[in-house]
Protein backbone atom coordinates (compact mmCIF):
# COMPACT_ATOMS: atom_id res chain seq x y z
CA MET A 1 -49.96 -45.91 -173.66
CA PRO A 2 -48.33 -42.54 -174.55
CA ARG A 3 -44.66 -42.67 -175.55
CA LEU A 4 -42.33 -39.89 -174.43
CA LEU A 5 -38.90 -38.93 -175.77
CA ILE A 6 -36.82 -37.31 -173.00
CA THR A 7 -34.06 -35.18 -174.52
CA ASP A 8 -31.42 -33.72 -172.21
CA ASP A 9 -27.63 -33.94 -171.99
CA ASP A 10 -27.92 -34.43 -168.20
CA LEU A 11 -28.14 -38.18 -167.56
CA HIS A 12 -29.30 -37.68 -163.95
CA LEU A 13 -32.19 -35.44 -165.03
CA ARG A 14 -33.24 -37.85 -167.80
CA ARG A 15 -33.37 -40.76 -165.39
CA LEU A 16 -35.24 -38.70 -162.78
CA VAL A 17 -37.89 -37.62 -165.28
CA ARG A 18 -38.13 -41.16 -166.60
CA THR A 19 -38.74 -42.53 -163.11
CA TYR A 20 -41.73 -40.27 -162.54
CA ALA A 21 -43.02 -40.76 -166.10
CA ASP A 22 -42.88 -44.52 -165.65
CA MET A 23 -44.95 -44.16 -162.48
CA GLU A 24 -47.60 -42.30 -164.52
CA GLY A 25 -47.75 -45.15 -167.02
CA TYR A 26 -45.80 -43.53 -169.87
CA GLN A 27 -43.35 -45.42 -172.05
CA CYS A 28 -40.07 -43.51 -172.27
CA GLU A 29 -37.01 -43.35 -174.47
CA GLU A 30 -34.01 -41.09 -173.94
CA ALA A 31 -31.84 -38.92 -176.18
CA ASP A 32 -28.71 -37.15 -174.92
CA CYS A 33 -28.57 -34.51 -177.66
CA GLY A 34 -30.67 -32.82 -180.32
CA ALA A 35 -29.30 -34.88 -183.18
CA ALA A 36 -30.14 -38.11 -181.36
CA ALA A 37 -33.67 -36.83 -180.70
CA ILE A 38 -34.27 -36.02 -184.36
CA GLU A 39 -32.97 -39.42 -185.42
CA ALA A 40 -35.20 -41.18 -182.87
CA LEU A 41 -38.26 -39.27 -184.10
CA ARG A 42 -37.50 -40.28 -187.67
CA GLN A 43 -37.22 -43.94 -186.70
CA GLN A 44 -39.97 -44.35 -184.08
CA ASN A 45 -43.42 -43.08 -183.14
CA PHE A 46 -43.75 -40.89 -180.06
CA ASP A 47 -46.60 -38.87 -178.58
CA LEU A 48 -44.60 -36.07 -176.94
CA VAL A 49 -41.03 -34.76 -176.66
CA LEU A 50 -39.43 -33.24 -173.59
CA LEU A 51 -36.63 -31.03 -174.90
CA ASP A 52 -33.93 -29.23 -172.92
CA VAL A 53 -33.03 -25.75 -174.15
CA MET A 54 -29.37 -25.65 -173.06
CA MET A 55 -27.58 -28.53 -174.79
CA PRO A 56 -24.20 -28.73 -176.52
CA GLY A 57 -24.27 -29.00 -180.30
CA PRO A 58 -27.70 -28.07 -181.60
CA ASP A 59 -29.48 -26.45 -178.66
CA GLY A 60 -33.15 -26.90 -177.90
CA PHE A 61 -34.31 -24.17 -180.28
CA GLU A 62 -32.24 -25.52 -183.19
CA THR A 63 -33.47 -29.02 -182.44
CA LEU A 64 -37.09 -27.85 -182.33
CA ALA A 65 -36.67 -26.11 -185.69
CA GLY A 66 -35.30 -29.36 -187.10
CA ILE A 67 -38.20 -31.38 -185.68
CA ARG A 68 -40.76 -28.99 -187.14
CA LYS A 69 -39.41 -29.60 -190.63
CA PHE A 70 -40.99 -33.06 -190.60
CA SER A 71 -43.18 -33.44 -187.51
CA GLN A 72 -45.82 -31.57 -185.51
CA ILE A 73 -45.39 -33.77 -182.44
CA PRO A 74 -46.14 -31.93 -179.17
CA VAL A 75 -42.98 -30.52 -177.55
CA ILE A 76 -42.44 -29.30 -173.99
CA MET A 77 -39.21 -27.39 -173.47
CA LEU A 78 -37.26 -27.62 -170.23
CA THR A 79 -35.31 -24.46 -169.49
CA ALA A 80 -33.20 -22.94 -166.75
CA ARG A 81 -33.72 -19.56 -168.43
CA ASP A 82 -37.02 -17.79 -167.94
CA GLU A 83 -36.62 -14.84 -170.30
CA GLU A 84 -39.52 -13.59 -172.41
CA TYR A 85 -37.39 -13.60 -175.57
CA ASP A 86 -36.67 -17.32 -175.19
CA ARG A 87 -40.35 -18.10 -174.67
CA LEU A 88 -41.43 -16.05 -177.67
CA LEU A 89 -38.80 -17.70 -179.86
CA GLY A 90 -39.94 -21.12 -178.73
CA PHE A 91 -43.59 -20.40 -179.42
CA GLN A 92 -42.73 -19.00 -182.85
CA LEU A 93 -40.94 -22.27 -183.61
CA GLY A 94 -43.94 -24.28 -182.44
CA VAL A 95 -43.31 -25.32 -178.83
CA ASP A 96 -46.43 -26.41 -176.93
CA ASP A 97 -45.38 -25.58 -173.38
CA TYR A 98 -42.48 -24.54 -171.16
CA VAL A 99 -41.36 -25.90 -167.80
CA SER A 100 -38.73 -23.92 -165.91
CA LYS A 101 -35.94 -25.63 -163.99
CA PRO A 102 -35.93 -26.52 -161.20
CA PHE A 103 -39.39 -28.04 -161.45
CA SER A 104 -41.45 -30.35 -159.29
CA SER A 105 -42.24 -33.80 -160.63
CA LYS A 106 -45.96 -33.20 -160.04
CA GLU A 107 -45.94 -30.02 -162.10
CA LEU A 108 -44.06 -31.65 -164.98
CA MET A 109 -46.41 -34.64 -165.07
CA ALA A 110 -49.41 -32.28 -164.96
CA ARG A 111 -48.02 -30.28 -167.90
CA ILE A 112 -47.41 -33.47 -169.89
CA ALA A 113 -50.95 -34.70 -169.25
CA ALA A 114 -52.43 -31.31 -170.18
CA VAL A 115 -50.54 -31.09 -173.48
CA LEU A 116 -51.46 -34.66 -174.40
CA ARG A 117 -55.14 -33.97 -173.66
CA ARG A 118 -55.10 -30.77 -175.68
CA THR A 119 -53.32 -32.21 -178.69
CA LYS A 120 -55.40 -35.38 -178.65
CA GLY A 121 -58.52 -33.24 -178.68
CA SER A 122 -57.30 -31.33 -181.72
CA LEU A 123 -56.66 -34.55 -183.59
CA GLU A 124 -60.30 -35.55 -183.16
CA HIS A 125 -61.32 -32.72 -185.51
CA ASN A 126 -59.67 -33.99 -188.68
CA ASP A 127 -62.39 -33.11 -191.19
CA VAL A 128 -61.09 -31.15 -194.16
CA LEU A 129 -62.31 -27.55 -194.04
CA GLN A 130 -63.17 -25.91 -197.35
CA PHE A 131 -63.93 -22.21 -197.72
CA GLY A 132 -64.08 -21.35 -201.41
CA LYS A 133 -60.51 -21.74 -202.66
CA LEU A 134 -59.08 -22.02 -199.15
CA CYS A 135 -58.66 -25.63 -198.00
CA ILE A 136 -57.40 -26.62 -194.55
CA GLU A 137 -56.45 -30.23 -193.83
CA PRO A 138 -55.94 -30.68 -190.06
CA LYS A 139 -54.56 -34.23 -190.21
CA SER A 140 -51.72 -33.42 -192.60
CA ARG A 141 -51.49 -29.82 -191.37
CA THR A 142 -51.54 -28.52 -194.92
CA ILE A 143 -53.28 -25.56 -196.51
CA THR A 144 -53.97 -24.79 -200.14
CA LEU A 145 -54.99 -21.35 -201.35
CA ASP A 146 -56.08 -20.90 -204.97
CA SER A 147 -54.79 -24.46 -205.58
CA LEU A 148 -51.31 -23.51 -204.32
CA PRO A 149 -49.74 -24.68 -201.04
CA LEU A 150 -49.67 -22.07 -198.28
CA ARG A 151 -46.98 -22.63 -195.66
CA LEU A 152 -47.64 -21.07 -192.28
CA PRO A 153 -45.60 -21.06 -189.07
CA PRO A 154 -46.99 -23.71 -186.67
CA LYS A 155 -48.75 -21.29 -184.34
CA GLU A 156 -50.35 -19.40 -187.23
CA PHE A 157 -51.66 -22.70 -188.59
CA ASP A 158 -53.07 -23.58 -185.16
CA LEU A 159 -54.64 -20.15 -184.87
CA LEU A 160 -56.27 -20.33 -188.31
CA LEU A 161 -57.51 -23.86 -187.64
CA LYS A 162 -59.03 -22.92 -184.29
CA LEU A 163 -60.86 -19.96 -185.80
CA ALA A 164 -62.05 -21.94 -188.83
CA GLN A 165 -63.30 -24.82 -186.69
CA ASN A 166 -65.42 -22.30 -184.79
CA GLN A 167 -66.79 -20.41 -187.78
CA ARG A 168 -69.03 -17.46 -186.88
CA ILE A 169 -68.17 -17.85 -183.18
CA VAL A 170 -66.32 -14.97 -181.55
CA LEU A 171 -63.22 -16.23 -179.74
CA SER A 172 -61.71 -13.92 -177.17
CA ARG A 173 -57.98 -13.28 -177.08
CA GLU A 174 -57.85 -15.05 -173.72
CA LYS A 175 -59.56 -18.12 -175.19
CA LEU A 176 -57.14 -18.20 -178.12
CA LEU A 177 -54.16 -17.89 -175.76
CA GLU A 178 -55.52 -20.80 -173.72
CA THR A 179 -56.31 -23.13 -176.61
CA VAL A 180 -53.56 -22.30 -179.10
CA TRP A 181 -50.64 -21.43 -176.84
CA GLY A 182 -51.63 -23.44 -173.78
CA TYR A 183 -52.84 -22.54 -170.31
CA SER A 184 -49.34 -21.74 -169.03
CA TYR A 185 -48.38 -19.20 -171.68
CA TYR A 186 -47.09 -16.05 -169.99
CA GLY A 187 -47.72 -13.65 -172.86
CA ASP A 188 -50.42 -11.05 -173.18
CA ASN A 189 -53.16 -10.25 -175.64
CA ARG A 190 -50.73 -8.52 -177.99
CA THR A 191 -49.31 -11.93 -178.83
CA VAL A 192 -52.63 -12.90 -180.43
CA ASP A 193 -52.90 -9.60 -182.27
CA THR A 194 -49.38 -9.94 -183.67
CA HIS A 195 -50.04 -13.45 -184.96
CA ILE A 196 -53.39 -12.40 -186.44
CA LYS A 197 -51.68 -9.57 -188.32
CA SER A 198 -49.07 -11.95 -189.75
CA LEU A 199 -51.72 -14.56 -190.58
CA ARG A 200 -53.77 -12.01 -192.49
CA GLU A 201 -50.70 -11.03 -194.50
CA HIS A 202 -50.18 -14.68 -195.46
CA LEU A 203 -53.84 -15.03 -196.47
CA GLY A 204 -53.63 -12.04 -198.80
CA PRO A 205 -57.01 -11.47 -200.51
CA TYR A 206 -58.61 -13.94 -198.05
CA ARG A 207 -57.58 -11.87 -195.03
CA LYS A 208 -61.18 -10.67 -194.59
CA LEU A 209 -62.15 -14.18 -193.47
CA ILE A 210 -60.72 -13.22 -190.07
CA GLN A 211 -62.83 -10.43 -188.61
CA THR A 212 -61.98 -8.30 -185.61
CA VAL A 213 -64.68 -7.97 -182.99
CA TRP A 214 -63.56 -4.84 -181.19
CA GLY A 215 -63.05 -5.20 -177.47
CA VAL A 216 -63.61 -8.96 -177.58
CA GLY A 217 -61.50 -10.95 -180.02
CA TYR A 218 -61.76 -12.48 -183.49
CA ARG A 219 -64.22 -14.38 -185.63
CA PHE A 220 -63.80 -16.48 -188.78
CA GLU A 221 -66.64 -15.97 -191.24
CA TYR A 222 -66.96 -17.24 -194.81
CA MET A 223 -69.79 -16.02 -196.99
CA ASP A 224 -70.43 -18.28 -199.99
CA GLU A 225 -70.99 -15.95 -202.94
CA ASN A 226 -72.63 -18.67 -205.06
């Protein structure tokens, strides 16, 4: 049974969300601030976090940054602001989805179910991927390059993993937006291009592993020189 951590300073909203989550069969715990959420995640196992953006003390973005220092747990942010800058910042920090307030209970439960399905599916592909001196370990979300650790932002890691798991298959920008950012992401194709550019810079001499297929998308291709 999936366990949810509902993080919001509004007691009424927490209890409302918990009521509907209970009806869907989820186990729920509550946190009234970012610090409490981080402490709960360090002490207990959860499957997903609902995280309000506007909270006193550390806000949702600061809390998410703190969570990402030690956990890649799926996070859905709840926000009364629907500005593109906020969404881009959240996705750069590693948020999995956004739900704008006010929201319907059916929509929120559908978003939760979709994120859990998507992240569960990614965990089923935990085989270590080795391409010469590039090693990707999905389970620990670690990368080594020339025997040295390579630290990537969460979305760049997800993007590289998705491409590597589909070696020699061309993935369209739309497909990458759907699978890496989630079906509800309101960006455009330039978001993928921007992350690919940054990812290539991190890969340095291995940047050629990610090939551009003009007018379509991108392909990961490793040619063993031995």
